[in-house]
Amino acid sequence: MKEFGKNLMIRKKGTPLDEKETFCNIIDLLEETILRSEKVYDEINIDMINYEENFYLIIDNLLHLHYGEWKTEIIHWYLWERKDYQTGEIGLLEWTNQDTEETKEVTIKCSEDLWDILKEIEQGK
């Protein structure tokens, strides 16, 4: 085990990231990882989920601890359900404002849109 990870390169930013930039980086990396796993499955029929499941559970629990249940559910939707990766079709996010009972639908195209919509919902707009 001494040699394990010897070629691992951990990249650190020179300047501290703000919360939005950090969030977007994490979500983008997760999405890339999910896409890579799906590509491996589609191209060579190797299912990576058994190998990766614990990593996703760790990340899920950390997201839940930091962002809470409802934000984590929306993040899950964004990562796993929002986009049909074979057709490229993007689904709508629908939510109801608890104060006004107004229902909204929105298309979330990228992690920055996700951040913005989470903040909008949090503020009750």
N, C-alpha and C. Protein backbone atom coordinates (compact mmCIF):
# COMPACT_ATOMS: atom_id res chain seq x y z
N MET A 1 0.82 -1.21 0.00
CA MET A 1 0.00 0.00 0.00
C MET A 1 0.86 1.27 0.00
N LYS A 2 2.16 1.15 0.22
CA LYS A 2 3.01 2.33 0.23
C LYS A 2 2.97 3.09 -1.09
N GLU A 3 2.85 2.36 -2.18
CA GLU A 3 2.87 2.96 -3.50
C GLU A 3 1.51 3.51 -3.93
N PHE A 4 0.46 3.16 -3.19
CA PHE A 4 -0.90 3.58 -3.56
C PHE A 4 -0.99 5.11 -3.54
N GLY A 5 -1.40 5.67 -4.64
CA GLY A 5 -1.60 7.11 -4.73
C GLY A 5 -0.35 7.91 -5.00
N LYS A 6 0.76 7.25 -5.29
CA LYS A 6 2.01 8.00 -5.49
C LYS A 6 1.95 8.91 -6.71
N ASN A 7 1.13 8.55 -7.69
CA ASN A 7 1.01 9.37 -8.89
C ASN A 7 -0.17 10.32 -8.85
N LEU A 8 -0.84 10.36 -7.71
CA LEU A 8 -2.00 11.24 -7.55
C LEU A 8 -1.54 12.69 -7.46
N MET A 9 -2.11 13.52 -8.29
CA MET A 9 -1.78 14.94 -8.29
C MET A 9 -3.00 15.71 -7.79
N ILE A 10 -2.87 16.36 -6.67
CA ILE A 10 -3.96 17.16 -6.13
C ILE A 10 -3.69 18.61 -6.51
N ARG A 11 -4.62 19.15 -7.26
CA ARG A 11 -4.48 20.52 -7.73
C ARG A 11 -5.12 21.47 -6.73
N LYS A 12 -4.39 22.47 -6.34
CA LYS A 12 -4.93 23.48 -5.44
C LYS A 12 -4.93 24.81 -6.16
N LYS A 13 -5.96 25.58 -5.92
CA LYS A 13 -6.04 26.92 -6.48
C LYS A 13 -5.18 27.85 -5.64
N GLY A 14 -4.61 28.84 -6.29
CA GLY A 14 -3.78 29.80 -5.57
C GLY A 14 -4.60 30.76 -4.73
N THR A 15 -5.83 31.03 -5.18
CA THR A 15 -6.67 31.95 -4.45
C THR A 15 -7.89 31.20 -3.93
N PRO A 16 -8.41 31.62 -2.80
CA PRO A 16 -9.61 30.95 -2.28
C PRO A 16 -10.80 31.18 -3.21
N LEU A 17 -11.62 30.16 -3.34
CA LEU A 17 -12.80 30.24 -4.18
C LEU A 17 -13.98 30.72 -3.35
N ASP A 18 -14.88 31.44 -4.00
CA ASP A 18 -16.10 31.79 -3.29
C ASP A 18 -17.04 30.59 -3.32
N GLU A 19 -18.12 30.65 -2.57
CA GLU A 19 -19.00 29.50 -2.43
C GLU A 19 -19.63 29.10 -3.76
N LYS A 20 -20.05 30.07 -4.56
CA LYS A 20 -20.68 29.75 -5.85
C LYS A 20 -19.68 29.04 -6.76
N GLU A 21 -18.47 29.54 -6.85
CA GLU A 21 -17.47 28.94 -7.72
C GLU A 21 -17.11 27.53 -7.25
N THR A 22 -16.99 27.34 -5.95
CA THR A 22 -16.70 26.01 -5.40
C THR A 22 -17.85 25.06 -5.71
N PHE A 23 -19.08 25.49 -5.48
CA PHE A 23 -20.26 24.68 -5.77
C PHE A 23 -20.27 24.27 -7.23
N CYS A 24 -20.09 25.22 -8.13
CA CYS A 24 -20.13 24.94 -9.56
C CYS A 24 -19.02 23.97 -9.96
N ASN A 25 -17.82 24.13 -9.39
CA ASN A 25 -16.72 23.20 -9.68
C ASN A 25 -17.08 21.78 -9.25
N ILE A 26 -17.65 21.64 -8.05
CA ILE A 26 -18.03 20.33 -7.54
C ILE A 26 -19.10 19.69 -8.43
N ILE A 27 -20.13 20.45 -8.76
CA ILE A 27 -21.22 19.92 -9.58
C ILE A 27 -20.72 19.55 -10.97
N ASP A 28 -19.87 20.38 -11.56
CA ASP A 28 -19.32 20.08 -12.89
C ASP A 28 -18.47 18.81 -12.86
N LEU A 29 -17.66 18.64 -11.82
CA LEU A 29 -16.84 17.43 -11.70
C LEU A 29 -17.71 16.19 -11.51
N LEU A 30 -18.75 16.31 -10.69
CA LEU A 30 -19.66 15.18 -10.50
C LEU A 30 -20.34 14.81 -11.82
N GLU A 31 -20.81 15.81 -12.54
CA GLU A 31 -21.47 15.54 -13.81
C GLU A 31 -20.52 14.87 -14.81
N GLU A 32 -19.27 15.35 -14.87
CA GLU A 32 -18.28 14.73 -15.75
C GLU A 32 -18.03 13.28 -15.37
N THR A 33 -17.98 13.00 -14.06
CA THR A 33 -17.74 11.65 -13.58
C THR A 33 -18.91 10.73 -13.94
N ILE A 34 -20.11 11.22 -13.77
CA ILE A 34 -21.30 10.44 -14.13
C ILE A 34 -21.31 10.16 -15.63
N LEU A 35 -21.02 11.17 -16.43
CA LEU A 35 -20.98 10.99 -17.89
C LEU A 35 -19.91 9.99 -18.30
N ARG A 36 -18.76 10.05 -17.65
CA ARG A 36 -17.68 9.12 -17.96
C ARG A 36 -18.10 7.69 -17.65
N SER A 37 -18.77 7.49 -16.52
CA SER A 37 -19.25 6.16 -16.14
C SER A 37 -20.28 5.65 -17.14
N GLU A 38 -21.20 6.53 -17.55
CA GLU A 38 -22.20 6.12 -18.53
C GLU A 38 -21.56 5.79 -19.88
N LYS A 39 -20.53 6.53 -20.24
CA LYS A 39 -19.83 6.27 -21.50
C LYS A 39 -19.13 4.92 -21.46
N VAL A 40 -18.49 4.60 -20.32
CA VAL A 40 -17.84 3.30 -20.17
C VAL A 40 -18.87 2.18 -20.30
N TYR A 41 -20.03 2.38 -19.69
CA TYR A 41 -21.08 1.37 -19.78
C TYR A 41 -21.58 1.22 -21.21
N ASP A 42 -21.85 2.36 -21.86
CA ASP A 42 -22.38 2.33 -23.23
C ASP A 42 -21.39 1.73 -24.22
N GLU A 43 -20.10 2.06 -24.07
CA GLU A 43 -19.11 1.66 -25.07
C GLU A 43 -18.54 0.27 -24.84
N ILE A 44 -18.30 -0.10 -23.58
CA ILE A 44 -17.68 -1.41 -23.35
C ILE A 44 -18.44 -2.26 -22.34
N ASN A 45 -19.66 -1.81 -22.00
CA ASN A 45 -20.58 -2.58 -21.17
C ASN A 45 -20.01 -2.96 -19.80
N ILE A 46 -19.27 -2.03 -19.20
CA ILE A 46 -18.78 -2.22 -17.84
C ILE A 46 -19.57 -1.29 -16.93
N ASP A 47 -20.26 -1.87 -15.96
CA ASP A 47 -21.07 -1.10 -15.02
C ASP A 47 -20.20 -0.68 -13.85
N MET A 48 -19.92 0.62 -13.74
CA MET A 48 -19.03 1.15 -12.70
C MET A 48 -19.76 1.43 -11.39
N ILE A 49 -21.08 1.31 -11.35
CA ILE A 49 -21.83 1.73 -10.17
C ILE A 49 -21.43 0.95 -8.93
N ASN A 50 -21.14 -0.34 -9.04
CA ASN A 50 -20.73 -1.10 -7.87
C ASN A 50 -19.42 -0.56 -7.28
N TYR A 51 -18.54 -0.14 -8.14
CA TYR A 51 -17.26 0.43 -7.71
C TYR A 51 -17.45 1.84 -7.15
N GLU A 52 -18.27 2.65 -7.80
CA GLU A 52 -18.40 4.07 -7.46
C GLU A 52 -19.46 4.37 -6.40
N GLU A 53 -20.32 3.44 -6.10
CA GLU A 53 -21.47 3.71 -5.23
C GLU A 53 -21.08 4.34 -3.89
N ASN A 54 -20.06 3.83 -3.23
CA ASN A 54 -19.67 4.39 -1.94
C ASN A 54 -19.18 5.83 -2.07
N PHE A 55 -18.50 6.14 -3.16
CA PHE A 55 -18.05 7.51 -3.37
C PHE A 55 -19.25 8.46 -3.53
N TYR A 56 -20.24 8.02 -4.29
CA TYR A 56 -21.44 8.84 -4.46
C TYR A 56 -22.20 8.99 -3.14
N LEU A 57 -22.22 7.95 -2.32
CA LEU A 57 -22.88 8.05 -1.01
C LEU A 57 -22.16 9.04 -0.10
N ILE A 58 -20.85 9.04 -0.14
CA ILE A 58 -20.07 10.01 0.66
C ILE A 58 -20.39 11.42 0.20
N ILE A 59 -20.34 11.64 -1.10
CA ILE A 59 -20.62 12.97 -1.65
C ILE A 59 -22.04 13.39 -1.33
N ASP A 60 -22.99 12.47 -1.49
CA ASP A 60 -24.39 12.75 -1.18
C ASP A 60 -24.56 13.17 0.28
N ASN A 61 -23.94 12.46 1.19
CA ASN A 61 -24.04 12.80 2.61
C ASN A 61 -23.42 14.16 2.91
N LEU A 62 -22.31 14.47 2.27
CA LEU A 62 -21.69 15.78 2.47
C LEU A 62 -22.56 16.90 1.92
N LEU A 63 -23.16 16.67 0.75
CA LEU A 63 -24.09 17.66 0.19
C LEU A 63 -25.27 17.86 1.14
N HIS A 64 -25.80 16.77 1.65
CA HIS A 64 -26.95 16.84 2.57
C HIS A 64 -26.58 17.60 3.84
N LEU A 65 -25.40 17.34 4.37
CA LEU A 65 -24.96 18.06 5.58
C LEU A 65 -24.82 19.56 5.34
N HIS A 66 -24.29 19.91 4.18
CA HIS A 66 -24.04 21.33 3.91
C HIS A 66 -25.26 22.08 3.37
N TYR A 67 -25.99 21.45 2.46
CA TYR A 67 -27.08 22.15 1.78
C TYR A 67 -28.47 21.78 2.26
N GLY A 68 -28.60 20.70 3.01
CA GLY A 68 -29.91 20.30 3.50
C GLY A 68 -30.64 19.42 2.50
N GLU A 69 -31.81 18.93 2.95
CA GLU A 69 -32.53 17.92 2.18
C GLU A 69 -33.06 18.43 0.85
N TRP A 70 -33.80 19.56 0.85
CA TRP A 70 -34.45 19.97 -0.39
C TRP A 70 -33.45 20.42 -1.45
N LYS A 71 -32.36 21.08 -1.04
CA LYS A 71 -31.35 21.48 -2.03
C LYS A 71 -30.65 20.25 -2.60
N THR A 72 -30.37 19.28 -1.74
CA THR A 72 -29.72 18.06 -2.20
C THR A 72 -30.61 17.30 -3.17
N GLU A 73 -31.91 17.29 -2.94
CA GLU A 73 -32.83 16.64 -3.88
C GLU A 73 -32.78 17.31 -5.25
N ILE A 74 -32.71 18.62 -5.27
CA ILE A 74 -32.63 19.34 -6.55
C ILE A 74 -31.28 19.08 -7.22
N ILE A 75 -30.21 19.03 -6.43
CA ILE A 75 -28.89 18.71 -6.98
C ILE A 75 -28.91 17.32 -7.59
N HIS A 76 -29.53 16.36 -6.91
CA HIS A 76 -29.66 15.00 -7.46
C HIS A 76 -30.42 15.03 -8.77
N TRP A 77 -31.52 15.74 -8.80
CA TRP A 77 -32.30 15.85 -10.03
C TRP A 77 -31.42 16.40 -11.15
N TYR A 78 -30.66 17.46 -10.85
CA TYR A 78 -29.79 18.07 -11.85
C TYR A 78 -28.78 17.05 -12.40
N LEU A 79 -28.15 16.31 -11.51
CA LEU A 79 -27.10 15.38 -11.92
C LEU A 79 -27.62 14.11 -12.59
N TRP A 80 -28.73 13.57 -12.09
CA TRP A 80 -29.15 12.24 -12.51
C TRP A 80 -30.38 12.21 -13.41
N GLU A 81 -31.22 13.24 -13.36
CA GLU A 81 -32.49 13.15 -14.07
C GLU A 81 -32.74 14.28 -15.06
N ARG A 82 -32.09 15.39 -14.91
CA ARG A 82 -32.37 16.59 -15.70
C ARG A 82 -32.16 16.38 -17.18
N LYS A 83 -31.14 15.64 -17.53
CA LYS A 83 -30.74 15.56 -18.93
C LYS A 83 -30.72 14.12 -19.42
N ASP A 84 -31.28 13.92 -20.59
CA ASP A 84 -31.16 12.64 -21.27
C ASP A 84 -29.85 12.72 -22.05
N TYR A 85 -28.84 12.02 -21.56
CA TYR A 85 -27.51 12.16 -22.14
C TYR A 85 -27.39 11.55 -23.53
N GLN A 86 -28.32 10.71 -23.91
CA GLN A 86 -28.28 10.14 -25.26
C GLN A 86 -28.89 11.10 -26.28
N THR A 87 -29.95 11.82 -25.89
CA THR A 87 -30.60 12.73 -26.83
C THR A 87 -30.19 14.19 -26.60
N GLY A 88 -29.68 14.50 -25.41
CA GLY A 88 -29.32 15.88 -25.09
C GLY A 88 -30.49 16.71 -24.59
N GLU A 89 -31.67 16.10 -24.53
CA GLU A 89 -32.88 16.81 -24.10
C GLU A 89 -32.80 17.13 -22.60
N ILE A 90 -33.13 18.39 -22.26
CA ILE A 90 -33.08 18.85 -20.87
C ILE A 90 -34.51 19.04 -20.37
N GLY A 91 -34.80 18.42 -19.22
CA GLY A 91 -36.13 18.54 -18.62
C GLY A 91 -36.28 19.79 -17.80
N LEU A 92 -37.51 20.09 -17.43
CA LEU A 92 -37.82 21.27 -16.64
C LEU A 92 -37.84 20.93 -15.15
N LEU A 93 -37.37 21.88 -14.35
CA LEU A 93 -37.52 21.79 -12.90
C LEU A 93 -38.78 22.54 -12.54
N GLU A 94 -39.64 21.90 -11.78
CA GLU A 94 -40.89 22.52 -11.35
C GLU A 94 -40.91 22.57 -9.82
N TRP A 95 -41.24 23.73 -9.28
CA TRP A 95 -41.38 23.85 -7.83
C TRP A 95 -42.49 24.84 -7.50
N THR A 96 -43.01 24.71 -6.29
CA THR A 96 -44.09 25.57 -5.83
C THR A 96 -43.60 26.42 -4.67
N ASN A 97 -43.78 27.72 -4.80
CA ASN A 97 -43.45 28.64 -3.72
C ASN A 97 -44.42 28.38 -2.57
N GLN A 98 -43.89 28.05 -1.40
CA GLN A 98 -44.72 27.69 -0.25
C GLN A 98 -45.55 28.86 0.27
N ASP A 99 -45.07 30.09 0.08
CA ASP A 99 -45.79 31.27 0.58
C ASP A 99 -46.92 31.69 -0.36
N THR A 100 -46.62 31.73 -1.66
CA THR A 100 -47.60 32.22 -2.63
C THR A 100 -48.35 31.11 -3.34
N GLU A 101 -47.90 29.88 -3.18
CA GLU A 101 -48.44 28.71 -3.86
C GLU A 101 -48.34 28.81 -5.38
N GLU A 102 -47.48 29.70 -5.85
CA GLU A 102 -47.23 29.84 -7.28
C GLU A 102 -46.28 28.73 -7.73
N THR A 103 -46.61 28.07 -8.83
CA THR A 103 -45.76 27.02 -9.38
C THR A 103 -44.93 27.61 -10.51
N LYS A 104 -43.63 27.29 -10.50
CA LYS A 104 -42.72 27.77 -11.53
C LYS A 104 -42.05 26.58 -12.20
N GLU A 105 -41.74 26.75 -13.46
CA GLU A 105 -40.95 25.78 -14.22
C GLU A 105 -39.77 26.51 -14.81
N VAL A 106 -38.61 25.87 -14.76
CA VAL A 106 -37.41 26.50 -15.28
C VAL A 106 -36.49 25.44 -15.89
N THR A 107 -35.77 25.83 -16.94
CA THR A 107 -34.76 24.99 -17.54
C THR A 107 -33.42 25.37 -16.94
N ILE A 108 -32.71 24.37 -16.43
CA ILE A 108 -31.40 24.61 -15.83
C ILE A 108 -30.36 23.99 -16.77
N LYS A 109 -29.56 24.85 -17.39
CA LYS A 109 -28.62 24.38 -18.41
C LYS A 109 -27.23 24.08 -17.87
N CYS A 110 -26.84 24.73 -16.77
CA CYS A 110 -25.48 24.56 -16.26
C CYS A 110 -25.46 24.71 -14.74
N SER A 111 -24.31 24.45 -14.14
CA SER A 111 -24.20 24.50 -12.69
C SER A 111 -24.44 25.91 -12.14
N GLU A 112 -24.10 26.93 -12.91
CA GLU A 112 -24.37 28.30 -12.45
C GLU A 112 -25.87 28.56 -12.39
N ASP A 113 -26.60 28.06 -13.37
CA ASP A 113 -28.06 28.16 -13.34
C ASP A 113 -28.62 27.43 -12.11
N LEU A 114 -28.04 26.27 -11.81
CA LEU A 114 -28.47 25.50 -10.65
C LEU A 114 -28.26 26.31 -9.38
N TRP A 115 -27.09 26.90 -9.23
CA TRP A 115 -26.79 27.72 -8.06
C TRP A 115 -27.80 28.86 -7.94
N ASP A 116 -28.02 29.55 -9.06
CA ASP A 116 -28.93 30.70 -9.05
C ASP A 116 -30.35 30.29 -8.66
N ILE A 117 -30.81 29.16 -9.17
CA ILE A 117 -32.19 28.74 -8.87
C ILE A 117 -32.30 28.29 -7.43
N LEU A 118 -31.28 27.65 -6.88
CA LEU A 118 -31.30 27.26 -5.47
C LEU A 118 -31.39 28.51 -4.59
N LYS A 119 -30.65 29.53 -4.94
CA LYS A 119 -30.70 30.79 -4.18
C LYS A 119 -32.06 31.46 -4.32
N GLU A 120 -32.62 31.42 -5.53
CA GLU A 120 -33.93 32.02 -5.75
C GLU A 120 -35.01 31.30 -4.93
N ILE A 121 -34.98 29.98 -4.94
CA ILE A 121 -35.96 29.21 -4.16
C ILE A 121 -35.76 29.48 -2.67
N GLU A 122 -34.52 29.53 -2.24
CA GLU A 122 -34.19 29.79 -0.82
C GLU A 122 -34.75 31.13 -0.36
N GLN A 123 -34.71 32.12 -1.24
CA GLN A 123 -35.20 33.45 -0.89
C GLN A 123 -36.71 33.58 -1.05
N GLY A 124 -37.35 32.52 -1.56
CA GLY A 124 -38.80 32.51 -1.65
C GLY A 124 -39.38 33.31 -2.79
N LYS A 125 -38.61 33.51 -3.84
CA LYS A 125 -39.10 34.28 -4.99
C LYS A 125 -40.04 33.47 -5.82
